[in-house]
Amino acid sequence: MIQLYVPLTYVPIYAFSIIWIYVLIDWGAIATISTRKDIPSFPVANLVSIADGPVGSGTGIPYMYLTPLDYTAQDLAKDHRATVFISLAQGDYCKNKGYDPMDPRCARILLSGKIKAVKNETHEVVEQLFFDRHPQLRNMPADHKFFFAELDISTIALLDTFGGPKYISVDDYLNAPTIRRDFGLRRRKIIFNKSAV
């Protein structure tokens, strides 16, 4: 069970869309520029497990666990540019609402930027927050040389209703209210089960 403290005063709807997406979804698609010989420079996508922090108190920065044996890491070694795509269709929310995955109300977010390896000074923190969300990945084969990486976000697009996507500044995105932040004295508590949202 998750408890959210939501302000009674106005907060932009995109802030809550981002909250819901990160609370409910812990994986997404990552698009890179292919280095494969059969499709050089083609856009390609892959699945990645994602964590931005503990449930309800994330940073907004997607962290991932990559191996050089996978084509995504091989692409990124040559061209760091990537887009991470996350959608509420990946969980039960849209299905329970009767939304088709393509329905704009089935919120999705695209984060574009450059992927970089996590620095040594933050590695321990990232390792803990990532494995808290993905404990099964602790036991990946050592010879696969998995490493932590993060997306240095440059552009953000959010589609959560009709009327086209919203293009959000990185500053607004990173400073949007999160579940762990206190919205002020006037607030109401919402309690819900993760599987039922």
N, C-alpha and C. Protein backbone atom coordinates (compact mmCIF):
# COMPACT_ATOMS: atom_id res chain seq x y z
N MET A 1 0.84 -1.18 0.00
CA MET A 1 0.00 0.00 0.00
C MET A 1 0.88 1.24 0.00
N ILE A 2 0.52 2.21 -0.81
CA ILE A 2 1.28 3.45 -0.94
C ILE A 2 0.43 4.60 -0.47
N GLN A 3 1.00 5.54 0.27
CA GLN A 3 0.29 6.71 0.72
C GLN A 3 0.82 7.94 0.00
N LEU A 4 -0.07 8.70 -0.60
CA LEU A 4 0.30 9.93 -1.28
C LEU A 4 -0.30 11.10 -0.54
N TYR A 5 0.49 12.15 -0.35
CA TYR A 5 -0.03 13.38 0.20
C TYR A 5 -0.12 14.38 -0.94
N VAL A 6 -1.34 14.68 -1.36
CA VAL A 6 -1.57 15.49 -2.54
C VAL A 6 -2.09 16.85 -2.11
N PRO A 7 -1.56 17.95 -2.65
CA PRO A 7 -1.97 19.29 -2.22
C PRO A 7 -3.39 19.60 -2.66
N LEU A 8 -4.07 20.40 -1.85
CA LEU A 8 -5.37 20.90 -2.26
C LEU A 8 -5.23 22.07 -3.21
N THR A 9 -4.09 22.76 -3.15
CA THR A 9 -3.83 23.85 -4.07
C THR A 9 -3.39 23.29 -5.41
N TYR A 10 -3.43 24.11 -6.45
CA TYR A 10 -3.17 23.66 -7.82
C TYR A 10 -1.72 23.25 -8.01
N VAL A 11 -1.54 22.13 -8.65
CA VAL A 11 -0.23 21.68 -9.12
C VAL A 11 -0.43 21.25 -10.57
N PRO A 12 0.47 21.63 -11.51
CA PRO A 12 0.28 21.25 -12.91
C PRO A 12 0.05 19.75 -13.06
N ILE A 13 -0.89 19.40 -13.92
CA ILE A 13 -1.27 17.99 -14.07
C ILE A 13 -0.09 17.13 -14.49
N TYR A 14 0.88 17.70 -15.23
CA TYR A 14 2.00 16.88 -15.67
C TYR A 14 2.81 16.37 -14.50
N ALA A 15 2.83 17.15 -13.41
CA ALA A 15 3.57 16.70 -12.23
C ALA A 15 3.00 15.40 -11.71
N PHE A 16 1.68 15.31 -11.65
CA PHE A 16 1.05 14.09 -11.17
C PHE A 16 1.19 12.96 -12.18
N SER A 17 1.16 13.26 -13.47
CA SER A 17 1.37 12.23 -14.48
C SER A 17 2.73 11.59 -14.31
N ILE A 18 3.74 12.41 -14.05
CA ILE A 18 5.08 11.89 -13.84
C ILE A 18 5.13 11.04 -12.58
N ILE A 19 4.47 11.50 -11.51
CA ILE A 19 4.42 10.72 -10.28
C ILE A 19 3.83 9.34 -10.53
N TRP A 20 2.68 9.31 -11.20
CA TRP A 20 2.01 8.02 -11.42
C TRP A 20 2.88 7.08 -12.27
N ILE A 21 3.49 7.64 -13.28
CA ILE A 21 4.30 6.80 -14.16
C ILE A 21 5.44 6.15 -13.38
N TYR A 22 6.15 6.96 -12.59
CA TYR A 22 7.30 6.40 -11.88
C TYR A 22 6.90 5.51 -10.71
N VAL A 23 5.73 5.74 -10.12
CA VAL A 23 5.29 4.86 -9.04
C VAL A 23 4.93 3.48 -9.59
N LEU A 24 4.28 3.46 -10.74
CA LEU A 24 3.71 2.22 -11.24
C LEU A 24 4.60 1.44 -12.18
N ILE A 25 5.56 2.09 -12.81
CA ILE A 25 6.33 1.46 -13.87
C ILE A 25 7.81 1.41 -13.50
N ASP A 26 8.43 0.25 -13.66
CA ASP A 26 9.85 0.14 -13.36
C ASP A 26 10.66 -0.42 -14.53
N TRP A 27 10.10 -0.33 -15.72
CA TRP A 27 10.86 -0.69 -16.92
C TRP A 27 10.34 0.15 -18.08
N GLY A 28 11.12 0.20 -19.13
CA GLY A 28 10.70 0.98 -20.29
C GLY A 28 11.47 0.55 -21.52
N ALA A 29 11.25 1.28 -22.59
CA ALA A 29 11.99 1.04 -23.83
C ALA A 29 13.07 2.10 -23.98
N ILE A 30 14.19 1.71 -24.53
CA ILE A 30 15.26 2.65 -24.82
C ILE A 30 15.57 2.56 -26.31
N ALA A 31 15.60 3.70 -26.96
CA ALA A 31 15.90 3.77 -28.39
C ALA A 31 17.29 4.34 -28.59
N THR A 32 18.07 3.67 -29.43
CA THR A 32 19.44 4.10 -29.73
C THR A 32 19.65 4.06 -31.24
N ILE A 33 20.82 4.53 -31.65
CA ILE A 33 21.21 4.48 -33.06
C ILE A 33 22.05 3.23 -33.27
N SER A 34 21.59 2.35 -34.15
CA SER A 34 22.21 1.03 -34.28
C SER A 34 23.63 1.09 -34.84
N THR A 35 24.47 0.23 -34.29
CA THR A 35 25.81 0.01 -34.82
C THR A 35 25.93 -1.36 -35.49
N ARG A 36 24.83 -2.09 -35.56
CA ARG A 36 24.85 -3.39 -36.23
C ARG A 36 25.16 -3.22 -37.71
N LYS A 37 25.91 -4.16 -38.24
CA LYS A 37 26.34 -4.05 -39.64
C LYS A 37 25.17 -4.18 -40.61
N ASP A 38 24.13 -4.92 -40.21
CA ASP A 38 23.01 -5.12 -41.13
C ASP A 38 22.03 -3.95 -41.14
N ILE A 39 22.04 -3.14 -40.06
CA ILE A 39 21.14 -1.97 -40.01
C ILE A 39 21.89 -0.75 -39.45
N PRO A 40 22.99 -0.38 -40.03
CA PRO A 40 23.76 0.75 -39.49
C PRO A 40 22.95 2.04 -39.52
N SER A 41 23.00 2.76 -38.41
CA SER A 41 22.35 4.07 -38.22
C SER A 41 20.83 4.00 -38.16
N PHE A 42 20.27 2.79 -38.17
CA PHE A 42 18.82 2.66 -37.99
C PHE A 42 18.47 2.94 -36.52
N PRO A 43 17.28 3.47 -36.25
CA PRO A 43 16.83 3.53 -34.86
C PRO A 43 16.41 2.13 -34.39
N VAL A 44 16.85 1.74 -33.21
CA VAL A 44 16.48 0.45 -32.65
C VAL A 44 16.05 0.64 -31.20
N ALA A 45 15.24 -0.28 -30.72
CA ALA A 45 14.73 -0.18 -29.35
C ALA A 45 15.01 -1.46 -28.59
N ASN A 46 15.06 -1.32 -27.29
CA ASN A 46 15.31 -2.46 -26.42
C ASN A 46 14.57 -2.21 -25.11
N LEU A 47 14.42 -3.24 -24.32
CA LEU A 47 13.80 -3.12 -23.01
C LEU A 47 14.88 -2.94 -21.95
N VAL A 48 14.64 -2.02 -21.02
CA VAL A 48 15.56 -1.84 -19.90
C VAL A 48 14.77 -1.70 -18.61
N SER A 49 15.29 -2.29 -17.55
CA SER A 49 14.74 -2.05 -16.23
C SER A 49 15.22 -0.67 -15.77
N ILE A 50 14.33 0.06 -15.13
CA ILE A 50 14.60 1.45 -14.78
C ILE A 50 14.28 1.67 -13.30
N ALA A 51 15.07 2.51 -12.67
CA ALA A 51 14.77 2.98 -11.32
C ALA A 51 15.21 4.43 -11.22
N ASP A 52 14.38 5.26 -10.62
CA ASP A 52 14.79 6.64 -10.37
C ASP A 52 14.91 6.90 -8.88
N GLY A 53 14.77 5.86 -8.10
CA GLY A 53 14.84 5.97 -6.65
C GLY A 53 13.79 5.07 -6.03
N PRO A 54 13.69 5.08 -4.69
CA PRO A 54 12.65 4.28 -4.04
C PRO A 54 11.27 4.70 -4.50
N VAL A 55 10.32 3.77 -4.45
CA VAL A 55 8.95 4.09 -4.87
C VAL A 55 8.44 5.28 -4.07
N GLY A 56 8.01 6.31 -4.78
CA GLY A 56 7.43 7.48 -4.14
C GLY A 56 8.41 8.55 -3.74
N SER A 57 9.70 8.32 -3.91
CA SER A 57 10.68 9.34 -3.54
C SER A 57 11.82 9.37 -4.54
N GLY A 58 11.46 9.30 -5.80
CA GLY A 58 12.47 9.24 -6.85
C GLY A 58 13.06 10.59 -7.21
N THR A 59 14.09 10.53 -8.04
CA THR A 59 14.79 11.74 -8.47
C THR A 59 14.31 12.24 -9.82
N GLY A 60 13.64 11.37 -10.58
CA GLY A 60 13.26 11.72 -11.94
C GLY A 60 14.30 11.34 -12.97
N ILE A 61 15.49 10.97 -12.51
CA ILE A 61 16.57 10.54 -13.40
C ILE A 61 16.49 9.02 -13.57
N PRO A 62 16.32 8.53 -14.80
CA PRO A 62 16.27 7.08 -14.98
C PRO A 62 17.66 6.45 -14.94
N TYR A 63 17.83 5.51 -14.03
CA TYR A 63 19.05 4.72 -13.95
C TYR A 63 18.78 3.34 -14.52
N MET A 64 19.79 2.77 -15.12
CA MET A 64 19.62 1.45 -15.74
C MET A 64 20.89 0.62 -15.54
N TYR A 65 20.78 -0.67 -15.82
CA TYR A 65 21.85 -1.63 -15.59
C TYR A 65 22.13 -2.30 -16.93
N LEU A 66 23.28 -2.01 -17.49
CA LEU A 66 23.59 -2.44 -18.85
C LEU A 66 24.79 -3.37 -18.89
N THR A 67 24.86 -4.17 -19.94
CA THR A 67 26.02 -5.03 -20.18
C THR A 67 26.59 -4.74 -21.56
N PRO A 68 27.91 -4.73 -21.70
CA PRO A 68 28.52 -4.53 -23.02
C PRO A 68 28.17 -5.62 -24.03
N LEU A 69 27.65 -6.75 -23.55
CA LEU A 69 27.27 -7.82 -24.46
C LEU A 69 25.96 -7.53 -25.20
N ASP A 70 25.21 -6.58 -24.70
CA ASP A 70 23.92 -6.25 -25.30
C ASP A 70 24.10 -5.15 -26.34
N TYR A 71 23.26 -5.17 -27.38
CA TYR A 71 23.43 -4.21 -28.46
C TYR A 71 23.17 -2.77 -28.03
N THR A 72 22.37 -2.57 -26.98
CA THR A 72 22.12 -1.20 -26.52
C THR A 72 23.41 -0.55 -26.03
N ALA A 73 24.14 -1.25 -25.18
CA ALA A 73 25.40 -0.71 -24.69
C ALA A 73 26.41 -0.56 -25.82
N GLN A 74 26.39 -1.46 -26.77
CA GLN A 74 27.29 -1.34 -27.92
C GLN A 74 26.96 -0.10 -28.75
N ASP A 75 25.68 0.16 -28.94
CA ASP A 75 25.28 1.38 -29.65
C ASP A 75 25.72 2.63 -28.89
N LEU A 76 25.50 2.61 -27.58
CA LEU A 76 25.82 3.78 -26.76
C LEU A 76 27.31 4.04 -26.66
N ALA A 77 28.11 3.00 -26.84
CA ALA A 77 29.56 3.20 -26.82
C ALA A 77 30.02 4.06 -27.98
N LYS A 78 29.25 4.04 -29.06
CA LYS A 78 29.60 4.83 -30.24
C LYS A 78 28.84 6.15 -30.29
N ASP A 79 27.58 6.13 -29.87
CA ASP A 79 26.74 7.33 -29.90
C ASP A 79 25.91 7.33 -28.62
N HIS A 80 26.18 8.29 -27.74
CA HIS A 80 25.55 8.30 -26.42
C HIS A 80 24.09 8.73 -26.44
N ARG A 81 23.60 9.21 -27.56
CA ARG A 81 22.23 9.71 -27.62
C ARG A 81 21.22 8.57 -27.49
N ALA A 82 20.14 8.85 -26.75
CA ALA A 82 19.11 7.83 -26.54
C ALA A 82 17.81 8.50 -26.11
N THR A 83 16.73 7.77 -26.27
CA THR A 83 15.43 8.19 -25.75
C THR A 83 14.85 7.04 -24.93
N VAL A 84 14.41 7.36 -23.74
CA VAL A 84 13.76 6.38 -22.87
C VAL A 84 12.26 6.65 -22.91
N PHE A 85 11.49 5.60 -23.13
CA PHE A 85 10.03 5.69 -23.24
C PHE A 85 9.38 4.87 -22.14
N ILE A 86 8.47 5.51 -21.40
CA ILE A 86 7.74 4.83 -20.34
C ILE A 86 6.26 5.13 -20.51
N SER A 87 5.42 4.12 -20.33
CA SER A 87 3.97 4.30 -20.51
C SER A 87 3.21 3.59 -19.40
N LEU A 88 2.11 4.19 -18.98
CA LEU A 88 1.26 3.52 -18.01
C LEU A 88 0.62 2.27 -18.57
N ALA A 89 0.67 2.08 -19.88
CA ALA A 89 0.16 0.85 -20.48
C ALA A 89 0.97 -0.36 -20.04
N GLN A 90 2.15 -0.14 -19.51
CA GLN A 90 3.01 -1.24 -19.08
C GLN A 90 2.51 -1.88 -17.78
N GLY A 91 1.59 -1.24 -17.10
CA GLY A 91 1.00 -1.80 -15.90
C GLY A 91 -0.48 -2.06 -16.09
N ASP A 92 -1.24 -2.07 -15.00
CA ASP A 92 -2.67 -2.36 -15.05
C ASP A 92 -3.53 -1.11 -15.13
N TYR A 93 -2.94 0.07 -14.95
CA TYR A 93 -3.73 1.29 -14.83
C TYR A 93 -4.64 1.51 -16.03
N CYS A 94 -4.08 1.51 -17.22
CA CYS A 94 -4.87 1.80 -18.42
C CYS A 94 -5.89 0.70 -18.69
N LYS A 95 -5.50 -0.53 -18.47
CA LYS A 95 -6.43 -1.65 -18.66
C LYS A 95 -7.63 -1.52 -17.73
N ASN A 96 -7.35 -1.17 -16.47
CA ASN A 96 -8.44 -1.01 -15.51
C ASN A 96 -9.35 0.16 -15.85
N LYS A 97 -8.79 1.16 -16.50
CA LYS A 97 -9.57 2.32 -16.91
C LYS A 97 -10.29 2.10 -18.25
N GLY A 98 -9.96 1.02 -18.93
CA GLY A 98 -10.53 0.77 -20.24
C GLY A 98 -9.88 1.57 -21.34
N TYR A 99 -8.63 2.01 -21.11
CA TYR A 99 -7.90 2.79 -22.11
C TYR A 99 -7.07 1.87 -22.99
N ASP A 100 -7.14 2.08 -24.29
CA ASP A 100 -6.20 1.43 -25.20
C ASP A 100 -4.81 1.99 -24.94
N PRO A 101 -3.74 1.20 -25.12
CA PRO A 101 -2.39 1.74 -24.90
C PRO A 101 -2.09 3.00 -25.70
N MET A 102 -2.76 3.17 -26.85
CA MET A 102 -2.52 4.34 -27.68
C MET A 102 -3.36 5.55 -27.26
N ASP A 103 -4.34 5.33 -26.39
CA ASP A 103 -5.19 6.42 -25.90
C ASP A 103 -4.32 7.46 -25.21
N PRO A 104 -4.44 8.74 -25.56
CA PRO A 104 -3.59 9.76 -24.93
C PRO A 104 -3.72 9.81 -23.41
N ARG A 105 -4.86 9.38 -22.89
CA ARG A 105 -5.03 9.39 -21.43
C ARG A 105 -4.23 8.29 -20.75
N CYS A 106 -3.73 7.36 -21.53
CA CYS A 106 -2.82 6.35 -21.02
C CYS A 106 -1.42 6.96 -21.07
N ALA A 107 -1.08 7.67 -20.01
CA ALA A 107 0.07 8.60 -20.03
C ALA A 107 1.37 7.93 -20.42
N ARG A 108 2.16 8.68 -21.17
CA ARG A 108 3.49 8.22 -21.58
C ARG A 108 4.44 9.40 -21.55
N ILE A 109 5.70 9.09 -21.34
CA ILE A 109 6.72 10.12 -21.27
C ILE A 109 7.93 9.68 -22.07
N LEU A 110 8.51 10.60 -22.80
CA LEU A 110 9.74 10.35 -23.55
C LEU A 110 10.83 11.27 -23.00
N LEU A 111 11.90 10.67 -22.55
CA LEU A 111 13.05 11.41 -22.03
C LEU A 111 14.22 11.20 -22.98
N SER A 112 14.69 12.27 -23.58
CA SER A 112 15.80 12.17 -24.53
C SER A 112 17.03 12.85 -23.96
N GLY A 113 18.19 12.33 -24.32
CA GLY A 113 19.44 12.90 -23.85
C GLY A 113 20.59 11.98 -24.17
N LYS A 114 21.59 12.01 -23.32
CA LYS A 114 22.77 11.16 -23.51
C LYS A 114 22.96 10.26 -22.30
N ILE A 115 23.28 9.01 -22.59
CA ILE A 115 23.53 8.03 -21.54
C ILE A 115 24.99 8.10 -21.12
N LYS A 116 25.20 8.11 -19.81
CA LYS A 116 26.57 8.10 -19.30
C LYS A 116 26.67 7.12 -18.14
N ALA A 117 27.85 6.56 -17.97
CA ALA A 117 28.07 5.65 -16.85
C ALA A 117 28.01 6.42 -15.54
N VAL A 118 27.51 5.77 -14.51
CA VAL A 118 27.42 6.40 -13.20
C VAL A 118 28.82 6.59 -12.62
N LYS A 119 29.06 7.75 -12.06
CA LYS A 119 30.37 8.06 -11.49
C LYS A 119 30.61 7.25 -10.22
N ASN A 120 31.90 7.03 -9.94
CA ASN A 120 32.26 6.21 -8.79
C ASN A 120 31.69 6.74 -7.48
N GLU A 121 31.67 8.09 -7.33
CA GLU A 121 31.24 8.66 -6.06
C GLU A 121 29.74 8.48 -5.80
N THR A 122 28.98 8.20 -6.83
CA THR A 122 27.54 7.97 -6.65
C THR A 122 27.15 6.52 -6.90
N HIS A 123 28.11 5.69 -7.20
CA HIS A 123 27.82 4.31 -7.59
C HIS A 123 27.10 3.55 -6.48
N GLU A 124 27.55 3.69 -5.24
CA GLU A 124 26.96 2.94 -4.14
C GLU A 124 25.50 3.32 -3.92
N VAL A 125 25.21 4.61 -4.02
CA VAL A 125 23.83 5.08 -3.84
C VAL A 125 22.94 4.54 -4.95
N VAL A 126 23.41 4.64 -6.19
CA VAL A 126 22.63 4.16 -7.33
C VAL A 126 22.41 2.66 -7.24
N GLU A 127 23.45 1.94 -6.85
CA GLU A 127 23.33 0.49 -6.71
C GLU A 127 22.22 0.13 -5.73
N GLN A 128 22.18 0.81 -4.60
CA GLN A 128 21.16 0.51 -3.60
C GLN A 128 19.77 0.84 -4.11
N LEU A 129 19.59 2.03 -4.68
CA LEU A 129 18.25 2.41 -5.12
C LEU A 129 17.76 1.54 -6.29
N PHE A 130 18.71 1.12 -7.15
CA PHE A 130 18.31 0.29 -8.29
C PHE A 130 17.91 -1.11 -7.84
N PHE A 131 18.74 -1.72 -7.00
CA PHE A 131 18.44 -3.09 -6.58
C PHE A 131 17.26 -3.16 -5.61
N ASP A 132 16.93 -2.05 -4.97
CA ASP A 132 15.71 -2.02 -4.17
C ASP A 132 14.48 -2.24 -5.05
N ARG A 133 14.53 -1.73 -6.28
CA ARG A 133 13.42 -1.90 -7.22
C ARG A 133 13.56 -3.18 -8.04
N HIS A 134 14.79 -3.65 -8.23
CA HIS A 134 15.04 -4.81 -9.08
C HIS A 134 15.99 -5.79 -8.38
N PRO A 135 15.55 -6.40 -7.28
CA PRO A 135 16.46 -7.28 -6.51
C PRO A 135 16.95 -8.49 -7.29
N GLN A 136 16.17 -8.96 -8.26
CA GLN A 136 16.57 -10.15 -9.01
C GLN A 136 17.81 -9.90 -9.86
N LEU A 137 18.07 -8.64 -10.18
CA LEU A 137 19.21 -8.33 -11.05
C LEU A 137 20.54 -8.30 -10.30
N ARG A 138 20.51 -8.49 -9.00
CA ARG A 138 21.76 -8.54 -8.24
C ARG A 138 22.64 -9.70 -8.68
N ASN A 139 22.04 -10.74 -9.20
CA ASN A 139 22.77 -11.98 -9.48
C ASN A 139 23.08 -12.18 -10.95
N MET A 140 23.27 -11.10 -11.68
CA MET A 140 23.68 -11.22 -13.07
C MET A 140 25.09 -11.81 -13.15
N PRO A 141 25.41 -12.56 -14.21
CA PRO A 141 26.74 -13.18 -14.32
C PRO A 141 27.86 -12.14 -14.26
N ALA A 142 28.86 -12.41 -13.45
CA ALA A 142 29.96 -11.45 -13.27
C ALA A 142 30.71 -11.21 -14.57
N ASP A 143 30.82 -12.24 -15.41
CA ASP A 143 31.58 -12.08 -16.65
C ASP A 143 30.84 -11.26 -17.71
N HIS A 144 29.60 -10.86 -17.41
CA HIS A 144 28.86 -9.99 -18.33
C HIS A 144 29.17 -8.51 -18.10
N LYS A 145 29.87 -8.24 -17.00
CA LYS A 145 30.38 -6.89 -16.71
C LYS A 145 29.28 -5.82 -16.77
N PHE A 146 28.18 -6.09 -16.09
CA PHE A 146 27.11 -5.11 -16.01
C PHE A 146 27.60 -3.84 -15.33
N PHE A 147 27.05 -2.72 -15.74
CA PHE A 147 27.41 -1.43 -15.14
C PHE A 147 26.17 -0.55 -15.06
N PHE A 148 26.21 0.41 -14.15
CA PHE A 148 25.10 1.34 -13.99
C PHE A 148 25.29 2.55 -14.89
N ALA A 149 24.19 2.98 -15.47
CA ALA A 149 24.22 4.16 -16.35
C ALA A 149 23.01 5.02 -16.04
N GLU A 150 23.09 6.28 -16.43
CA GLU A 150 21.98 7.20 -16.22
C GLU A 150 21.78 8.03 -17.48
N LEU A 151 20.57 8.54 -17.61
CA LEU A 151 20.26 9.41 -18.74
C LEU A 151 20.43 10.86 -18.31
N ASP A 152 21.31 11.57 -19.00
CA ASP A 152 21.47 13.01 -18.81
C ASP A 152 20.41 13.68 -19.69
N ILE A 153 19.30 14.05 -19.10
CA ILE A 153 18.11 14.46 -19.85
C ILE A 153 18.31 15.83 -20.49
N SER A 154 17.95 15.92 -21.76
CA SER A 154 17.99 17.21 -22.46
C SER A 154 16.62 17.68 -22.90
N THR A 155 15.71 16.76 -23.24
CA THR A 155 14.35 17.14 -23.63
C THR A 155 13.35 16.14 -23.06
N ILE A 156 12.14 16.63 -22.82
CA ILE A 156 11.09 15.82 -22.21
C ILE A 156 9.79 16.07 -22.94
N ALA A 157 9.12 15.00 -23.31
CA ALA A 157 7.79 15.10 -23.91
C ALA A 157 6.83 14.21 -23.12
N LEU A 158 5.70 14.77 -22.75
CA LEU A 158 4.70 14.04 -21.98
C LEU A 158 3.37 14.10 -22.71
N LEU A 159 2.75 12.94 -22.90
CA LEU A 159 1.40 12.87 -23.44
C LEU A 159 0.52 12.19 -22.40
N ASP A 160 -0.43 12.94 -21.84
CA ASP A 160 -1.28 12.37 -20.80
C ASP A 160 -2.76 12.71 -20.99
N THR A 161 -3.09 13.37 -22.10
CA THR A 161 -4.47 13.68 -22.41
C THR A 161 -4.57 14.08 -23.88
N PHE A 162 -5.75 14.38 -24.33
CA PHE A 162 -5.93 14.79 -25.72
C PHE A 162 -5.36 16.19 -25.94
N GLY A 163 -5.00 16.49 -27.19
CA GLY A 163 -4.49 17.82 -27.52
C GLY A 163 -3.02 17.86 -27.84
N GLY A 164 -2.36 16.72 -27.87
CA GLY A 164 -0.95 16.70 -28.22
C GLY A 164 -0.04 16.68 -27.02
N PRO A 165 1.24 16.40 -27.25
CA PRO A 165 2.19 16.29 -26.15
C PRO A 165 2.54 17.64 -25.55
N LYS A 166 3.01 17.59 -24.31
CA LYS A 166 3.55 18.76 -23.63
C LYS A 166 5.06 18.63 -23.64
N TYR A 167 5.75 19.71 -23.94
CA TYR A 167 7.21 19.70 -23.91
C TYR A 167 7.64 20.46 -22.67
N ILE A 168 8.27 19.74 -21.78
CA ILE A 168 8.54 20.23 -20.43
C ILE A 168 10.02 20.54 -20.29
N SER A 169 10.33 21.65 -19.66
CA SER A 169 11.73 21.98 -19.43
C SER A 169 12.32 21.01 -18.41
N VAL A 170 13.60 20.77 -18.54
CA VAL A 170 14.27 19.84 -17.62
C VAL A 170 14.18 20.36 -16.19
N ASP A 171 14.33 21.67 -16.00
CA ASP A 171 14.25 22.24 -14.65
C ASP A 171 12.88 22.01 -14.03
N ASP A 172 11.82 22.25 -14.81
CA ASP A 172 10.47 22.02 -14.29
C ASP A 172 10.27 20.55 -13.95
N TYR A 173 10.79 19.69 -14.80
CA TYR A 173 10.63 18.25 -14.58
C TYR A 173 11.33 17.81 -13.31
N LEU A 174 12.57 18.23 -13.14
CA LEU A 174 13.34 17.77 -11.98
C LEU A 174 12.87 18.40 -10.69
N ASN A 175 12.14 19.52 -10.78
CA ASN A 175 11.64 20.19 -9.59
C ASN A 175 10.15 20.00 -9.39
N ALA A 176 9.54 19.11 -10.18
CA ALA A 176 8.11 18.83 -10.01
C ALA A 176 7.89 18.18 -8.65
N PRO A 177 6.71 18.42 -8.04
CA PRO A 177 6.42 17.79 -6.74
C PRO A 177 6.52 16.28 -6.84
N THR A 178 7.08 15.67 -5.82
CA THR A 178 7.12 14.22 -5.74
C THR A 178 6.41 13.77 -4.48
N ILE A 179 6.17 12.51 -4.37
CA ILE A 179 5.44 11.99 -3.23
C ILE A 179 6.17 12.27 -1.93
N ARG A 180 7.49 12.30 -1.96
CA ARG A 180 8.23 12.48 -0.72
C ARG A 180 8.28 13.93 -0.29
N ARG A 181 7.99 14.87 -1.17
CA ARG A 181 8.07 16.28 -0.82
C ARG A 181 6.80 16.73 -0.11
N ASP A 182 6.98 17.63 0.84
CA ASP A 182 5.83 18.18 1.56
C ASP A 182 5.23 19.29 0.70
N PHE A 183 3.95 19.16 0.36
CA PHE A 183 3.28 20.15 -0.47
C PHE A 183 2.74 21.32 0.36
N GLY A 184 2.91 21.32 1.67
CA GLY A 184 2.37 22.38 2.50
C GLY A 184 1.38 21.83 3.51
N LEU A 185 0.83 22.73 4.30
CA LEU A 185 -0.05 22.31 5.38
C LEU A 185 -1.40 21.82 4.87
N ARG A 186 -1.91 22.43 3.80
CA ARG A 186 -3.22 22.05 3.28
C ARG A 186 -3.05 20.90 2.30
N ARG A 187 -3.31 19.70 2.75
CA ARG A 187 -3.14 18.53 1.91
C ARG A 187 -4.12 17.46 2.34
N ARG A 188 -4.37 16.53 1.49
CA ARG A 188 -5.23 15.41 1.82
C ARG A 188 -4.49 14.12 1.49
N LYS A 189 -4.78 13.08 2.24
CA LYS A 189 -4.08 11.80 2.05
C LYS A 189 -4.88 10.89 1.13
N ILE A 190 -4.17 10.30 0.16
CA ILE A 190 -4.77 9.29 -0.71
C ILE A 190 -4.05 7.99 -0.45
N ILE A 191 -4.79 6.94 -0.18
CA ILE A 191 -4.20 5.62 0.05
C ILE A 191 -4.72 4.69 -1.02
N PHE A 192 -3.80 4.01 -1.69
CA PHE A 192 -4.24 3.10 -2.74
C PHE A 192 -3.29 1.92 -2.83
N ASN A 193 -3.78 0.84 -3.37
CA ASN A 193 -2.95 -0.32 -3.62
C ASN A 193 -2.31 -0.17 -4.98
N LYS A 194 -1.03 -0.49 -5.07
CA LYS A 194 -0.30 -0.32 -6.32
C LYS A 194 -0.98 -1.04 -7.47
N SER A 195 -1.50 -2.22 -7.24
CA SER A 195 -2.09 -3.01 -8.31
C SER A 195 -3.44 -2.47 -8.76
N ALA A 196 -4.03 -1.58 -7.96
CA ALA A 196 -5.38 -1.12 -8.26
C ALA A 196 -5.41 0.25 -8.91
N VAL A 197 -4.27 0.93 -8.99
CA VAL A 197 -4.25 2.30 -9.52
C VAL A 197 -4.37 2.30 -11.02
